[in-house]
Amino acid sequence: MPDAPKPPAEERLSVDDRLALDKFEPDAEPFIVVATDICRTCDTKPCLYICPAQVYRIAEGELVYNTDGCIELGACGIVCKHIGKGAIRWNYPRGGTGVEFRYG
């Protein structure tokens, strides 16, 4: 797959535009696992607000997540542990998989 064209450096991009330039190679092993039974009892759900890639969202009253596009910040696991209920287990993907930043 050819590299995505890079916009001029002086062009200001939104976070969404920058995330769209990243390349993501999925891992066969999940690097984010959510204990949904614990998550259901969490009132704050801080993962919804901390993730810039919007990996987590609410659909039909339940938390759903999709690791495709995760930028591997790891903040979701930290806030879940300290503000939420500790339902998220997060690790870096195995070598050769995960996100490859292409701009900025």
PDB file of N, CA and C in Angstrom:
ATOM      1  N   MET A   1       0.847  -1.175   0.000  1.00  0.00           N
ATOM      2  CA  MET A   1       0.000   0.000   0.000  1.00  0.00           C
ATOM      3  C   MET A   1       0.891   1.236   0.000  1.00  0.00           C
ATOM      4  N   PRO A   2       0.678   2.157  -0.925  1.00  0.00           N
ATOM      5  CA  PRO A   2       1.518   3.359  -0.966  1.00  0.00           C
ATOM      6  C   PRO A   2       1.211   4.279   0.214  1.00  0.00           C
ATOM      7  N   ASP A   3       2.231   5.051   0.571  1.00  0.00           N
ATOM      8  CA  ASP A   3       2.046   6.007   1.661  1.00  0.00           C
ATOM      9  C   ASP A   3       1.042   7.080   1.261  1.00  0.00           C
ATOM     10  N   ALA A   4       0.282   7.525   2.256  1.00  0.00           N
ATOM     11  CA  ALA A   4      -0.673   8.606   2.037  1.00  0.00           C
ATOM     12  C   ALA A   4       0.098   9.895   1.757  1.00  0.00           C
ATOM     13  N   PRO A   5      -0.404  10.735   0.846  1.00  0.00           N
ATOM     14  CA  PRO A   5       0.290  11.999   0.586  1.00  0.00           C
ATOM     15  C   PRO A   5       0.265  12.888   1.826  1.00  0.00           C
ATOM     16  N   LYS A   6       1.379  13.563   2.057  1.00  0.00           N
ATOM     17  CA  LYS A   6       1.468  14.449   3.224  1.00  0.00           C
ATOM     18  C   LYS A   6       1.044  15.858   2.820  1.00  0.00           C
ATOM     19  N   PRO A   7       0.202  16.483   3.634  1.00  0.00           N
ATOM     20  CA  PRO A   7      -0.194  17.861   3.345  1.00  0.00           C
ATOM     21  C   PRO A   7       0.976  18.801   3.630  1.00  0.00           C
ATOM     22  N   PRO A   8       0.937  19.992   3.074  1.00  0.00           N
ATOM     23  CA  PRO A   8       2.000  20.965   3.358  1.00  0.00           C
ATOM     24  C   PRO A   8       2.114  21.223   4.860  1.00  0.00           C
ATOM     25  N   ALA A   9       3.338  21.400   5.335  1.00  0.00           N
ATOM     26  CA  ALA A   9       3.594  21.570   6.771  1.00  0.00           C
ATOM     27  C   ALA A   9       2.861  22.779   7.342  1.00  0.00           C
ATOM     28  N   GLU A  10       2.664  23.812   6.546  1.00  0.00           N
ATOM     29  CA  GLU A  10       2.011  25.013   7.074  1.00  0.00           C
ATOM     30  C   GLU A  10       0.492  24.862   7.166  1.00  0.00           C
ATOM     31  N   GLU A  11      -0.061  23.823   6.576  1.00  0.00           N
ATOM     32  CA  GLU A  11      -1.508  23.592   6.635  1.00  0.00           C
ATOM     33  C   GLU A  11      -1.892  23.047   8.009  1.00  0.00           C
ATOM     34  N   ARG A  12      -2.856  23.689   8.652  1.00  0.00           N
ATOM     35  CA  ARG A  12      -3.326  23.247   9.964  1.00  0.00           C
ATOM     36  C   ARG A  12      -4.365  22.157   9.777  1.00  0.00           C
ATOM     37  N   LEU A  13      -4.154  21.045  10.486  1.00  0.00           N
ATOM     38  CA  LEU A  13      -5.071  19.914  10.379  1.00  0.00           C
ATOM     39  C   LEU A  13      -5.795  19.698  11.699  1.00  0.00           C
ATOM     40  N   SER A  14      -7.022  19.258  11.597  1.00  0.00           N
ATOM     41  CA  SER A  14      -7.772  18.901  12.798  1.00  0.00           C
ATOM     42  C   SER A  14      -7.241  17.571  13.321  1.00  0.00           C
ATOM     43  N   VAL A  15      -7.592  17.227  14.542  1.00  0.00           N
ATOM     44  CA  VAL A  15      -7.183  15.947  15.117  1.00  0.00           C
ATOM     45  C   VAL A  15      -7.707  14.812  14.248  1.00  0.00           C
ATOM     46  N   ASP A  16      -8.945  14.897  13.807  1.00  0.00           N
ATOM     47  CA  ASP A  16      -9.522  13.848  12.968  1.00  0.00           C
ATOM     48  C   ASP A  16      -8.747  13.694  11.658  1.00  0.00           C
ATOM     49  N   ASP A  17      -8.350  14.813  11.054  1.00  0.00           N
ATOM     50  CA  ASP A  17      -7.578  14.749   9.812  1.00  0.00           C
ATOM     51  C   ASP A  17      -6.210  14.112  10.053  1.00  0.00           C
ATOM     52  N   ARG A  18      -5.582  14.435  11.174  1.00  0.00           N
ATOM     53  CA  ARG A  18      -4.280  13.831  11.489  1.00  0.00           C
ATOM     54  C   ARG A  18      -4.406  12.333  11.737  1.00  0.00           C
ATOM     55  N   LEU A  19      -5.439  11.925  12.470  1.00  0.00           N
ATOM     56  CA  LEU A  19      -5.642  10.503  12.736  1.00  0.00           C
ATOM     57  C   LEU A  19      -5.901   9.729  11.446  1.00  0.00           C
ATOM     58  N   ALA A  20      -6.558  10.356  10.481  1.00  0.00           N
ATOM     59  CA  ALA A  20      -6.859   9.679   9.220  1.00  0.00           C
ATOM     60  C   ALA A  20      -5.592   9.360   8.432  1.00  0.00           C
ATOM     61  N   LEU A  21      -4.498  10.068   8.690  1.00  0.00           N
ATOM     62  CA  LEU A  21      -3.240   9.823   7.985  1.00  0.00           C
ATOM     63  C   LEU A  21      -2.456   8.646   8.556  1.00  0.00           C
ATOM     64  N   ASP A  22      -2.764   8.226   9.773  1.00  0.00           N
ATOM     65  CA  ASP A  22      -2.020   7.142  10.416  1.00  0.00           C
ATOM     66  C   ASP A  22      -2.340   5.804   9.769  1.00  0.00           C
ATOM     67  N   LYS A  23      -1.374   4.906   9.841  1.00  0.00           N
ATOM     68  CA  LYS A  23      -1.550   3.543   9.332  1.00  0.00           C
ATOM     69  C   LYS A  23      -1.719   2.620  10.533  1.00  0.00           C
ATOM     70  N   PHE A  24      -2.621   1.659  10.428  1.00  0.00           N
ATOM     71  CA  PHE A  24      -2.869   0.744  11.530  1.00  0.00           C
ATOM     72  C   PHE A  24      -2.789  -0.689  11.026  1.00  0.00           C
ATOM     73  N   GLU A  25      -1.924  -1.463  11.638  1.00  0.00           N
ATOM     74  CA  GLU A  25      -1.780  -2.885  11.316  1.00  0.00           C
ATOM     75  C   GLU A  25      -2.370  -3.677  12.472  1.00  0.00           C
ATOM     76  N   PRO A  26      -3.519  -4.322  12.292  1.00  0.00           N
ATOM     77  CA  PRO A  26      -4.154  -5.028  13.405  1.00  0.00           C
ATOM     78  C   PRO A  26      -3.326  -6.219  13.889  1.00  0.00           C
ATOM     79  N   ASP A  27      -3.439  -6.500  15.163  1.00  0.00           N
ATOM     80  CA  ASP A  27      -2.772  -7.626  15.802  1.00  0.00           C
ATOM     81  C   ASP A  27      -3.811  -8.729  15.998  1.00  0.00           C
ATOM     82  N   ALA A  28      -3.409  -9.965  15.795  1.00  0.00           N
ATOM     83  CA  ALA A  28      -4.325 -11.090  16.006  1.00  0.00           C
ATOM     84  C   ALA A  28      -4.709 -11.223  17.479  1.00  0.00           C
ATOM     85  N   GLU A  29      -3.804 -10.822  18.363  1.00  0.00           N
ATOM     86  CA  GLU A  29      -4.056 -10.850  19.809  1.00  0.00           C
ATOM     87  C   GLU A  29      -4.607  -9.495  20.233  1.00  0.00           C
ATOM     88  N   PRO A  30      -5.706  -9.438  20.973  1.00  0.00           N
ATOM     89  CA  PRO A  30      -6.230  -8.133  21.407  1.00  0.00           C
ATOM     90  C   PRO A  30      -5.297  -7.463  22.409  1.00  0.00           C
ATOM     91  N   PHE A  31      -5.025  -6.183  22.209  1.00  0.00           N
ATOM     92  CA  PHE A  31      -4.187  -5.456  23.151  1.00  0.00           C
ATOM     93  C   PHE A  31      -5.017  -4.599  24.101  1.00  0.00           C
ATOM     94  N   ILE A  32      -6.297  -4.473  23.825  1.00  0.00           N
ATOM     95  CA  ILE A  32      -7.247  -3.846  24.745  1.00  0.00           C
ATOM     96  C   ILE A  32      -8.348  -4.865  25.002  1.00  0.00           C
ATOM     97  N   VAL A  33      -8.574  -5.151  26.273  1.00  0.00           N
ATOM     98  CA  VAL A  33      -9.654  -6.055  26.657  1.00  0.00           C
ATOM     99  C   VAL A  33     -10.479  -5.335  27.722  1.00  0.00           C
ATOM    100  N   VAL A  34     -11.779  -5.299  27.525  1.00  0.00           N
ATOM    101  CA  VAL A  34     -12.681  -4.632  28.466  1.00  0.00           C
ATOM    102  C   VAL A  34     -13.559  -5.681  29.137  1.00  0.00           C
ATOM    103  N   ALA A  35     -13.545  -5.677  30.459  1.00  0.00           N
ATOM    104  CA  ALA A  35     -14.444  -6.548  31.227  1.00  0.00           C
ATOM    105  C   ALA A  35     -15.804  -5.858  31.248  1.00  0.00           C
ATOM    106  N   THR A  36     -16.643  -6.217  30.290  1.00  0.00           N
ATOM    107  CA  THR A  36     -17.906  -5.506  30.119  1.00  0.00           C
ATOM    108  C   THR A  36     -18.834  -5.634  31.321  1.00  0.00           C
ATOM    109  N   ASP A  37     -18.733  -6.732  32.060  1.00  0.00           N
ATOM    110  CA  ASP A  37     -19.578  -6.870  33.248  1.00  0.00           C
ATOM    111  C   ASP A  37     -19.205  -5.824  34.304  1.00  0.00           C
ATOM    112  N   ILE A  38     -17.927  -5.510  34.420  1.00  0.00           N
ATOM    113  CA  ILE A  38     -17.487  -4.454  35.347  1.00  0.00           C
ATOM    114  C   ILE A  38     -17.851  -3.085  34.779  1.00  0.00           C
ATOM    115  N   CYS A  39     -17.653  -2.921  33.483  1.00  0.00           N
ATOM    116  CA  CYS A  39     -17.926  -1.643  32.820  1.00  0.00           C
ATOM    117  C   CYS A  39     -19.389  -1.229  32.993  1.00  0.00           C
ATOM    118  N   ARG A  40     -20.288  -2.173  32.940  1.00  0.00           N
ATOM    119  CA  ARG A  40     -21.718  -1.855  33.089  1.00  0.00           C
ATOM    120  C   ARG A  40     -22.027  -1.164  34.413  1.00  0.00           C
ATOM    121  N   THR A  41     -21.213  -1.435  35.442  1.00  0.00           N
ATOM    122  CA  THR A  41     -21.473  -0.845  36.756  1.00  0.00           C
ATOM    123  C   THR A  41     -20.770   0.499  36.948  1.00  0.00           C
ATOM    124  N   CYS A  42     -20.017   0.944  35.942  1.00  0.00           N
ATOM    125  CA  CYS A  42     -19.271   2.208  36.042  1.00  0.00           C
ATOM    126  C   CYS A  42     -20.176   3.369  35.641  1.00  0.00           C
ATOM    127  N   ASP A  43     -20.338   4.310  36.549  1.00  0.00           N
ATOM    128  CA  ASP A  43     -21.177   5.475  36.264  1.00  0.00           C
ATOM    129  C   ASP A  43     -20.442   6.552  35.471  1.00  0.00           C
ATOM    130  N   THR A  44     -19.125   6.675  35.672  1.00  0.00           N
ATOM    131  CA  THR A  44     -18.375   7.776  35.068  1.00  0.00           C
ATOM    132  C   THR A  44     -17.906   7.496  33.651  1.00  0.00           C
ATOM    133  N   LYS A  45     -17.549   6.266  33.328  1.00  0.00           N
ATOM    134  CA  LYS A  45     -17.046   5.868  32.009  1.00  0.00           C
ATOM    135  C   LYS A  45     -16.048   6.893  31.444  1.00  0.00           C
ATOM    136  N   PRO A  46     -14.945   7.126  32.149  1.00  0.00           N
ATOM    137  CA  PRO A  46     -13.981   8.138  31.700  1.00  0.00           C
ATOM    138  C   PRO A  46     -13.325   7.806  30.367  1.00  0.00           C
ATOM    139  N   CYS A  47     -13.336   6.551  29.965  1.00  0.00           N
ATOM    140  CA  CYS A  47     -12.736   6.162  28.685  1.00  0.00           C
ATOM    141  C   CYS A  47     -13.409   6.865  27.506  1.00  0.00           C
ATOM    142  N   LEU A  48     -14.696   7.198  27.653  1.00  0.00           N
ATOM    143  CA  LEU A  48     -15.414   7.884  26.581  1.00  0.00           C
ATOM    144  C   LEU A  48     -14.866   9.271  26.316  1.00  0.00           C
ATOM    145  N   TYR A  49     -14.263   9.882  27.316  1.00  0.00           N
ATOM    146  CA  TYR A  49     -13.845  11.277  27.215  1.00  0.00           C
ATOM    147  C   TYR A  49     -12.345  11.447  27.019  1.00  0.00           C
ATOM    148  N   ILE A  50     -11.555  10.450  27.359  1.00  0.00           N
ATOM    149  CA  ILE A  50     -10.097  10.601  27.337  1.00  0.00           C
ATOM    150  C   ILE A  50      -9.481  10.174  26.011  1.00  0.00           C
ATOM    151  N   CYS A  51     -10.128   9.304  25.272  1.00  0.00           N
ATOM    152  CA  CYS A  51      -9.533   8.727  24.063  1.00  0.00           C
ATOM    153  C   CYS A  51      -9.690   9.667  22.867  1.00  0.00           C
ATOM    154  N   PRO A  52      -8.563  10.209  22.336  1.00  0.00           N
ATOM    155  CA  PRO A  52      -8.680  11.117  21.185  1.00  0.00           C
ATOM    156  C   PRO A  52      -9.084  10.399  19.900  1.00  0.00           C
ATOM    157  N   ALA A  53      -8.869   9.084  19.833  1.00  0.00           N
ATOM    158  CA  ALA A  53      -9.228   8.318  18.642  1.00  0.00           C
ATOM    159  C   ALA A  53     -10.658   7.775  18.707  1.00  0.00           C
ATOM    160  N   GLN A  54     -11.350   8.061  19.780  1.00  0.00           N
ATOM    161  CA  GLN A  54     -12.737   7.646  19.982  1.00  0.00           C
ATOM    162  C   GLN A  54     -12.916   6.140  19.782  1.00  0.00           C
ATOM    163  N   VAL A  55     -12.033   5.372  20.430  1.00  0.00           N
ATOM    164  CA  VAL A  55     -12.106   3.910  20.398  1.00  0.00           C
ATOM    165  C   VAL A  55     -13.363   3.438  21.124  1.00  0.00           C
ATOM    166  N   TYR A  56     -13.776   4.157  22.146  1.00  0.00           N
ATOM    167  CA  TYR A  56     -14.914   3.760  22.980  1.00  0.00           C
ATOM    168  C   TYR A  56     -16.120   4.637  22.663  1.00  0.00           C
ATOM    169  N   ARG A  57     -17.306   4.009  22.655  1.00  0.00           N
ATOM    170  CA  ARG A  57     -18.542   4.768  22.467  1.00  0.00           C
ATOM    171  C   ARG A  57     -19.689   3.971  23.081  1.00  0.00           C
ATOM    172  N   ILE A  58     -20.811   4.620  23.250  1.00  0.00           N
ATOM    173  CA  ILE A  58     -22.011   3.971  23.764  1.00  0.00           C
ATOM    174  C   ILE A  58     -22.934   3.694  22.584  1.00  0.00           C
ATOM    175  N   ALA A  59     -23.380   2.449  22.462  1.00  0.00           N
ATOM    176  CA  ALA A  59     -24.332   2.066  21.427  1.00  0.00           C
ATOM    177  C   ALA A  59     -25.399   1.201  22.088  1.00  0.00           C
ATOM    178  N   GLU A  60     -26.633   1.615  21.944  1.00  0.00           N
ATOM    179  CA  GLU A  60     -27.772   0.905  22.535  1.00  0.00           C
ATOM    180  C   GLU A  60     -27.583   0.680  24.028  1.00  0.00           C
ATOM    181  N   GLY A  61     -27.042   1.705  24.706  1.00  0.00           N
ATOM    182  CA  GLY A  61     -26.890   1.659  26.154  1.00  0.00           C
ATOM    183  C   GLY A  61     -25.690   0.886  26.662  1.00  0.00           C
ATOM    184  N   GLU A  62     -24.889   0.314  25.784  1.00  0.00           N
ATOM    185  CA  GLU A  62     -23.718  -0.480  26.174  1.00  0.00           C
ATOM    186  C   GLU A  62     -22.447   0.167  25.633  1.00  0.00           C
ATOM    187  N   LEU A  63     -21.363   0.024  26.388  1.00  0.00           N
ATOM    188  CA  LEU A  63     -20.064   0.479  25.909  1.00  0.00           C
ATOM    189  C   LEU A  63     -19.566  -0.499  24.857  1.00  0.00           C
ATOM    190  N   VAL A  64     -19.193   0.016  23.706  1.00  0.00           N
ATOM    191  CA  VAL A  64     -18.572  -0.785  22.653  1.00  0.00           C
ATOM    192  C   VAL A  64     -17.239  -0.152  22.315  1.00  0.00           C
ATOM    193  N   TYR A  65     -16.311  -0.954  21.846  1.00  0.00           N
ATOM    194  CA  TYR A  65     -15.001  -0.426  21.489  1.00  0.00           C
ATOM    195  C   TYR A  65     -14.466  -1.132  20.265  1.00  0.00           C
ATOM    196  N   ASN A  66     -13.652  -0.409  19.507  1.00  0.00           N
ATOM    197  CA  ASN A  66     -13.025  -0.928  18.300  1.00  0.00           C
ATOM    198  C   ASN A  66     -11.584  -0.450  18.317  1.00  0.00           C
ATOM    199  N   THR A  67     -10.651  -1.376  18.428  1.00  0.00           N
ATOM    200  CA  THR A  67      -9.239  -0.996  18.568  1.00  0.00           C
ATOM    201  C   THR A  67      -8.615  -0.545  17.256  1.00  0.00           C
ATOM    202  N   ASP A  68      -9.280  -0.766  16.129  1.00  0.00           N
ATOM    203  CA  ASP A  68      -8.753  -0.254  14.864  1.00  0.00           C
ATOM    204  C   ASP A  68      -8.720   1.271  14.954  1.00  0.00           C
ATOM    205  N   GLY A  69      -7.570   1.825  14.732  1.00  0.00           N
ATOM    206  CA  GLY A  69      -7.421   3.271  14.819  1.00  0.00           C
ATOM    207  C   GLY A  69      -6.923   3.760  16.171  1.00  0.00           C
ATOM    208  N   CYS A  70      -6.729   2.859  17.126  1.00  0.00           N
ATOM    209  CA  CYS A  70      -6.183   3.255  18.433  1.00  0.00           C
ATOM    210  C   CYS A  70      -4.774   3.813  18.232  1.00  0.00           C
ATOM    211  N   ILE A  71      -4.476   4.937  18.845  1.00  0.00           N
ATOM    212  CA  ILE A  71      -3.150   5.545  18.692  1.00  0.00           C
ATOM    213  C   ILE A  71      -2.212   5.173  19.842  1.00  0.00           C
ATOM    214  N   GLU A  72      -2.609   4.197  20.634  1.00  0.00           N
ATOM    215  CA  GLU A  72      -1.757   3.611  21.671  1.00  0.00           C
ATOM    216  C   GLU A  72      -1.288   4.618  22.722  1.00  0.00           C
ATOM    217  N   LEU A  73      -2.146   5.531  23.086  1.00  0.00           N
ATOM    218  CA  LEU A  73      -1.846   6.492  24.132  1.00  0.00           C
ATOM    219  C   LEU A  73      -1.850   5.817  25.500  1.00  0.00           C
ATOM    220  N   GLY A  74      -2.794   4.921  25.719  1.00  0.00           N
ATOM    221  CA  GLY A  74      -2.873   4.192  26.980  1.00  0.00           C
ATOM    222  C   GLY A  74      -3.616   4.908  28.084  1.00  0.00           C
ATOM    223  N   ALA A  75      -4.097   6.112  27.799  1.00  0.00           N
ATOM    224  CA  ALA A  75      -4.800   6.893  28.819  1.00  0.00           C
ATOM    225  C   ALA A  75      -6.092   6.216  29.256  1.00  0.00           C
ATOM    226  N   CYS A  76      -6.717   5.456  28.384  1.00  0.00           N
ATOM    227  CA  CYS A  76      -7.978   4.795  28.728  1.00  0.00           C
ATOM    228  C   CYS A  76      -7.783   3.834  29.906  1.00  0.00           C
ATOM    229  N   GLY A  77      -6.711   3.072  29.873  1.00  0.00           N
ATOM    230  CA  GLY A  77      -6.435   2.142  30.965  1.00  0.00           C
ATOM    231  C   GLY A  77      -6.123   2.845  32.267  1.00  0.00           C
ATOM    232  N   ILE A  78      -5.439   3.983  32.170  1.00  0.00           N
ATOM    233  CA  ILE A  78      -5.069   4.747  33.372  1.00  0.00           C
ATOM    234  C   ILE A  78      -6.306   5.364  34.017  1.00  0.00           C
ATOM    235  N   VAL A  79      -7.138   6.052  33.212  1.00  0.00           N
ATOM    236  CA  VAL A  79      -8.317   6.690  33.810  1.00  0.00           C
ATOM    237  C   VAL A  79      -9.325   5.662  34.291  1.00  0.00           C
ATOM    238  N   CYS A  80      -9.406   4.535  33.601  1.00  0.00           N
ATOM    239  CA  CYS A  80     -10.327   3.488  34.037  1.00  0.00           C
ATOM    240  C   CYS A  80      -9.885   2.947  35.397  1.00  0.00           C
ATOM    241  N   LYS A  81      -8.594   2.788  35.575  1.00  0.00           N
ATOM    242  CA  LYS A  81      -8.066   2.270  36.845  1.00  0.00           C
ATOM    243  C   LYS A  81      -8.268   3.260  37.985  1.00  0.00           C
ATOM    244  N   HIS A  82      -8.050   4.552  37.728  1.00  0.00           N
ATOM    245  CA  HIS A  82      -8.050   5.548  38.799  1.00  0.00           C
ATOM    246  C   HIS A  82      -9.382   6.286  38.982  1.00  0.00           C
ATOM    247  N   ILE A  83     -10.164   6.433  37.918  1.00  0.00           N
ATOM    248  CA  ILE A  83     -11.442   7.144  38.022  1.00  0.00           C
ATOM    249  C   ILE A  83     -12.613   6.188  37.801  1.00  0.00           C
ATOM    250  N   GLY A  84     -12.419   5.228  36.911  1.00  0.00           N
ATOM    251  CA  GLY A  84     -13.476   4.256  36.607  1.00  0.00           C
ATOM    252  C   GLY A  84     -13.427   3.072  37.554  1.00  0.00           C
ATOM    253  N   LYS A  85     -13.720   1.907  37.021  1.00  0.00           N
ATOM    254  CA  LYS A  85     -13.819   0.698  37.846  1.00  0.00           C
ATOM    255  C   LYS A  85     -12.737  -0.336  37.530  1.00  0.00           C
ATOM    256  N   GLY A  86     -11.763   0.023  36.695  1.00  0.00           N
ATOM    257  CA  GLY A  86     -10.682  -0.907  36.382  1.00  0.00           C
ATOM    258  C   GLY A  86     -11.068  -1.996  35.396  1.00  0.00           C
ATOM    259  N   ALA A  87     -11.988  -1.698  34.487  1.00  0.00           N
ATOM    260  CA  ALA A  87     -12.481  -2.705  33.556  1.00  0.00           C
ATOM    261  C   ALA A  87     -11.595  -2.879  32.324  1.00  0.00           C
ATOM    262  N   ILE A  88     -10.711  -1.905  32.045  1.00  0.00           N
ATOM    263  CA  ILE A  88      -9.894  -1.945  30.834  1.00  0.00           C
ATOM    264  C   ILE A  88      -8.509  -2.509  31.142  1.00  0.00           C
ATOM    265  N   ARG A  89      -8.141  -3.532  30.373  1.00  0.00           N
ATOM    266  CA  ARG A  89      -6.765  -4.044  30.425  1.00  0.00           C
ATOM    267  C   ARG A  89      -6.115  -3.653  29.106  1.00  0.00           C
ATOM    268  N   TRP A  90      -5.068  -2.844  29.192  1.00  0.00           N
ATOM    269  CA  TRP A  90      -4.421  -2.283  28.000  1.00  0.00           C
ATOM    270  C   TRP A  90      -2.950  -2.651  28.000  1.00  0.00           C
ATOM    271  N   ASN A  91      -2.454  -3.103  26.861  1.00  0.00           N
ATOM    272  CA  ASN A  91      -1.035  -3.383  26.641  1.00  0.00           C
ATOM    273  C   ASN A  91      -0.669  -2.881  25.252  1.00  0.00           C
ATOM    274  N   TYR A  92       0.610  -2.655  25.024  1.00  0.00           N
ATOM    275  CA  TYR A  92       1.035  -2.315  23.662  1.00  0.00           C
ATOM    276  C   TYR A  92       0.829  -3.521  22.761  1.00  0.00           C
ATOM    277  N   PRO A  93       0.479  -3.288  21.476  1.00  0.00           N
ATOM    278  CA  PRO A  93       0.386  -4.405  20.541  1.00  0.00           C
ATOM    279  C   PRO A  93       1.769  -5.038  20.343  1.00  0.00           C
ATOM    280  N   ARG A  94       1.776  -6.255  19.851  1.00  0.00           N
ATOM    281  CA  ARG A  94       3.042  -6.937  19.592  1.00  0.00           C
ATOM    282  C   ARG A  94       3.811  -6.213  18.493  1.00  0.00           C
ATOM    283  N   GLY A  95       5.115  -6.416  18.452  1.00  0.00           N
ATOM    284  CA  GLY A  95       5.973  -5.769  17.460  1.00  0.00           C
ATOM    285  C   GLY A  95       5.492  -5.981  16.035  1.00  0.00           C
ATOM    286  N   GLY A  96       5.582  -4.930  15.236  1.00  0.00           N
ATOM    287  CA  GLY A  96       5.149  -4.999  13.847  1.00  0.00           C
ATOM    288  C   GLY A  96       3.668  -4.753  13.642  1.00  0.00           C
ATOM    289  N   THR A  97       2.937  -4.600  14.736  1.00  0.00           N
ATOM    290  CA  THR A  97       1.506  -4.323  14.632  1.00  0.00           C
ATOM    291  C   THR A  97       1.202  -3.024  15.370  1.00  0.00           C
ATOM    292  N   GLY A  98       0.001  -2.545  15.200  1.00  0.00           N
ATOM    293  CA  GLY A  98      -0.406  -1.321  15.881  1.00  0.00           C
ATOM    294  C   GLY A  98      -0.337  -0.123  14.968  1.00  0.00           C
ATOM    295  N   VAL A  99      -0.147   1.035  15.555  1.00  0.00           N
ATOM    296  CA  VAL A  99      -0.204   2.293  14.813  1.00  0.00           C
ATOM    297  C   VAL A  99       1.175   2.678  14.283  1.00  0.00           C
ATOM    298  N   GLU A 100       1.167   3.276  13.104  1.00  0.00           N
ATOM    299  CA  GLU A 100       2.369   3.881  12.516  1.00  0.00           C
ATOM    300  C   GLU A 100       1.995   5.320  12.189  1.00  0.00           C
ATOM    301  N   PHE A 101       2.608   6.266  12.890  1.00  0.00           N
ATOM    302  CA  PHE A 101       2.287   7.667  12.687  1.00  0.00           C
ATOM    303  C   PHE A 101       2.924   8.152  11.395  1.00  0.00           C
ATOM    304  N   ARG A 102       2.158   8.851  10.602  1.00  0.00           N
ATOM    305  CA  ARG A 102       2.646   9.293   9.305  1.00  0.00           C
ATOM    306  C   ARG A 102       2.817  10.806   9.203  1.00  0.00           C
ATOM    307  N   TYR A 103       2.286  11.535  10.152  1.00  0.00           N
ATOM    308  CA  TYR A 103       2.374  13.001  10.042  1.00  0.00           C
ATOM    309  C   TYR A 103       2.299  13.594  11.443  1.00  0.00           C
ATOM    310  N   GLY A 104       3.214  14.481  11.734  1.00  0.00           N
ATOM    311  CA  GLY A 104       3.186  15.244  12.979  1.00  0.00           C
ATOM    312  C   GLY A 104       3.411  14.419  14.153  1.00  0.00           C
TER     313      GLY A 104
END
